[in-house]
């Protein structure tokens, strides 16, 4: 199993939108960066994904999704009426791909970018690298475990305050 982080602006598509989607599943379309696309091509069914709200206040890891369909052509690249249209893409050479994700869980409390920067063991995490803007990025198994542990501790602290 592999681990990933995928970014979405919550105004465009939030983790709650994923949770409300039919079968709690959606296609992850609109990726227009070759490196991010190539990461999606490496994804396998069952891979786990940290769902990250970017351009939020604060930007945060908010939950987990799971890959339920491996990479396939992104139809939005072929639709001239879609904001993700790419005139270079053709049915014979679609260029861009997408995967399907299913909602797994929302964290009790979001894990902000600033909070993650303070956690030992995450110093080399791609998300925290200065200038990192990839919307799809790998997460190491050690980073995954640290983030999940932090989510559990943060959630329990929130329960104690209630």
Protein backbone atom coordinates (compact mmCIF):
# COMPACT_ATOMS: atom_id res chain seq x y z
CA UNK A 1 0.00 0.00 0.00
CA UNK A 2 1.11 3.52 -0.79
CA UNK A 3 0.18 6.81 0.84
CA UNK A 4 -0.57 10.13 -0.77
CA UNK A 5 -1.71 13.67 -0.06
CA UNK A 6 -4.14 15.39 -2.41
CA UNK A 7 -5.03 19.07 -2.22
CA UNK A 8 -8.33 20.73 -2.94
CA UNK A 9 -9.63 24.19 -2.19
CA UNK A 10 -12.63 23.66 0.09
CA UNK A 11 -14.71 26.18 -1.89
CA UNK A 12 -14.15 24.09 -5.03
CA UNK A 13 -14.44 20.60 -3.47
CA UNK A 14 -14.18 19.85 0.23
CA UNK A 15 -13.95 16.64 2.19
CA UNK A 16 -17.60 17.19 3.12
CA UNK A 17 -18.44 17.30 -0.60
CA UNK A 18 -16.71 13.93 -0.95
CA UNK A 19 -18.63 12.55 2.02
CA UNK A 20 -21.93 13.72 0.44
CA UNK A 21 -21.10 12.38 -3.05
CA UNK A 22 -23.00 9.33 -4.30
CA UNK A 23 -21.41 6.27 -2.68
CA UNK A 24 -19.03 8.79 -1.01
CA UNK A 25 -16.97 8.53 -4.20
CA UNK A 26 -15.84 10.92 -6.92
CA UNK A 27 -13.37 11.24 -9.75
CA UNK A 28 -10.37 13.45 -8.99
CA UNK A 29 -10.30 15.47 -12.20
CA UNK A 30 -8.61 18.65 -13.32
CA UNK A 31 -5.00 17.85 -12.39
CA UNK A 32 -2.88 19.73 -14.91
CA UNK A 33 0.64 19.18 -13.67
CA UNK A 34 2.71 16.38 -15.21
CA UNK A 35 4.41 15.34 -11.97
CA UNK A 36 1.08 15.22 -10.09
CA UNK A 37 -0.44 13.24 -12.99
CA UNK A 38 2.46 10.81 -12.89
CA UNK A 39 1.90 10.28 -9.16
CA UNK A 40 -1.75 9.46 -9.89
CA UNK A 41 -0.58 6.91 -12.46
CA UNK A 42 1.31 5.15 -9.63
CA UNK A 43 -1.78 4.86 -7.42
CA UNK A 44 -3.33 1.48 -6.76
CA UNK A 45 -6.74 0.50 -5.44
CA UNK A 46 -6.63 0.66 -1.65
CA UNK A 47 -3.95 3.34 -1.45
CA UNK A 48 -4.72 5.83 1.31
CA UNK A 49 -4.90 9.59 0.78
CA UNK A 50 -4.60 12.51 3.18
CA UNK A 51 -7.23 15.04 2.09
CA UNK A 52 -5.80 18.55 2.34
CA UNK A 53 -7.77 21.80 2.20
CA UNK A 54 -5.51 24.33 0.46
CA UNK A 55 -6.10 28.07 0.37
CA UNK A 56 -8.18 27.67 3.51
CA UNK A 57 -7.98 29.46 6.83
CA UNK A 58 -5.94 27.65 7.92
CA UNK A 59 -4.76 25.26 5.23
CA UNK A 60 -5.06 21.83 6.84
CA UNK A 61 -5.13 18.07 6.50
CA UNK A 62 -8.78 17.33 7.24
CA UNK A 63 -9.27 13.60 6.68
CA UNK A 64 -8.67 10.45 4.71
CA UNK A 65 -9.83 9.11 1.36
CA UNK A 66 -9.04 5.87 -0.44
CA UNK A 67 -8.22 5.17 -4.09
CA UNK A 68 -11.01 3.02 -5.53
CA UNK A 69 -10.17 3.27 -9.26
CA UNK A 70 -6.73 3.59 -10.81
CA UNK A 71 -5.77 6.28 -13.32
CA UNK A 72 -7.87 6.67 -16.46
CA UNK A 73 -8.34 9.51 -19.01
CA UNK A 74 -9.66 12.76 -17.57
CA UNK A 75 -12.69 13.57 -19.73
CA UNK A 76 -12.69 17.23 -18.62
CA UNK A 77 -9.56 17.82 -20.72
CA UNK A 78 -11.57 17.00 -23.84
CA UNK A 79 -14.60 19.19 -23.06
CA UNK A 80 -14.22 22.72 -24.50
CA UNK A 81 -16.90 23.95 -22.10
CA UNK A 82 -15.07 22.69 -19.00
CA UNK A 83 -12.66 24.94 -17.09
CA UNK A 84 -10.07 22.12 -17.25
CA UNK A 85 -10.20 21.86 -21.05
CA UNK A 86 -6.83 21.31 -22.75
CA UNK A 87 -6.84 21.83 -26.53
CA UNK A 88 -3.73 19.61 -26.84
CA UNK A 89 -5.64 16.61 -25.44
CA UNK A 90 -7.39 14.27 -27.86
CA UNK A 91 -9.29 11.00 -27.43
CA UNK A 92 -6.28 9.18 -28.93
CA UNK A 93 -3.87 11.08 -26.65
CA UNK A 94 -5.85 12.30 -23.63
CA UNK A 95 -2.65 13.54 -21.83
CA UNK A 96 -4.37 14.01 -18.46
CA UNK A 97 -5.69 11.33 -16.14
CA UNK A 98 -7.71 11.04 -12.96
CA UNK A 99 -8.41 8.51 -10.24
CA UNK A 100 -11.53 7.82 -8.20
CA UNK A 101 -11.50 8.44 -4.46
CA UNK A 102 -13.86 7.31 -1.72
CA UNK A 103 -14.38 9.11 1.58
CA UNK A 104 -12.98 7.23 4.56
CA UNK A 105 -13.14 9.70 7.45
CA UNK A 106 -12.99 13.30 8.50
CA UNK A 107 -10.61 14.15 11.34
CA UNK A 108 -12.18 15.47 14.54
CA UNK A 109 -9.95 18.54 14.22
CA UNK A 110 -8.05 19.80 11.18
CA UNK A 111 -4.25 19.52 11.24
CA UNK A 112 -2.98 22.91 10.14
CA UNK A 113 0.10 23.41 8.05
CA UNK A 114 1.68 25.42 10.88
CA UNK A 115 0.98 22.64 13.40
CA UNK A 116 2.47 20.01 11.08
CA UNK A 117 5.65 22.09 10.73
CA UNK A 118 6.20 21.67 14.49
CA UNK A 119 6.01 17.85 14.48
CA UNK A 120 9.21 15.81 14.72
CA UNK A 121 9.54 13.33 11.88
CA UNK A 122 7.72 15.47 9.29
CA UNK A 123 10.67 17.73 8.45
CA UNK A 124 11.11 16.12 5.00
CA UNK A 125 7.40 15.77 4.17
CA UNK A 126 6.78 17.12 0.65
CA UNK A 127 3.86 19.25 1.88
CA UNK A 128 6.18 21.12 4.24
CA UNK A 129 8.96 21.71 1.74
CA UNK A 130 9.36 25.41 0.92
CA UNK A 131 7.85 26.16 -2.48
CA UNK A 132 6.00 22.84 -2.72
CA UNK A 133 2.83 23.37 -4.73
CA UNK A 134 2.03 19.91 -6.06
CA UNK A 135 -1.64 19.02 -5.71
CA UNK A 136 -0.82 15.29 -5.58
CA UNK A 137 2.21 14.12 -3.65
CA UNK A 138 3.58 11.00 -2.01
CA UNK A 139 3.61 10.51 1.76
CA UNK A 140 6.01 8.04 3.35
CA UNK A 141 4.64 5.32 5.65
CA UNK A 142 6.42 6.97 8.60
CA UNK A 143 4.86 10.36 7.78
CA UNK A 144 1.44 8.70 7.42
CA UNK A 145 1.70 7.13 10.87
CA UNK A 146 2.83 10.41 12.45
CA UNK A 147 -0.04 12.37 10.87
CA UNK A 148 -2.62 9.74 11.90
CA UNK A 149 -1.25 9.69 15.45
CA UNK A 150 -1.45 13.48 15.58
CA UNK A 151 -5.05 13.36 14.30
CA UNK A 152 -5.96 10.88 17.06
CA UNK A 153 -4.29 12.97 19.80
CA UNK A 154 -5.81 16.21 18.51
CA UNK A 155 -9.27 14.61 18.37
CA UNK A 156 -8.99 13.30 21.92
CA UNK A 157 -7.86 16.69 23.19
CA UNK A 158 -10.92 18.23 21.55
CA UNK A 159 -13.15 15.63 23.28
CA UNK A 160 -11.64 16.50 26.68
CA UNK A 161 -12.48 20.19 26.18
CA UNK A 162 -16.15 19.49 25.43
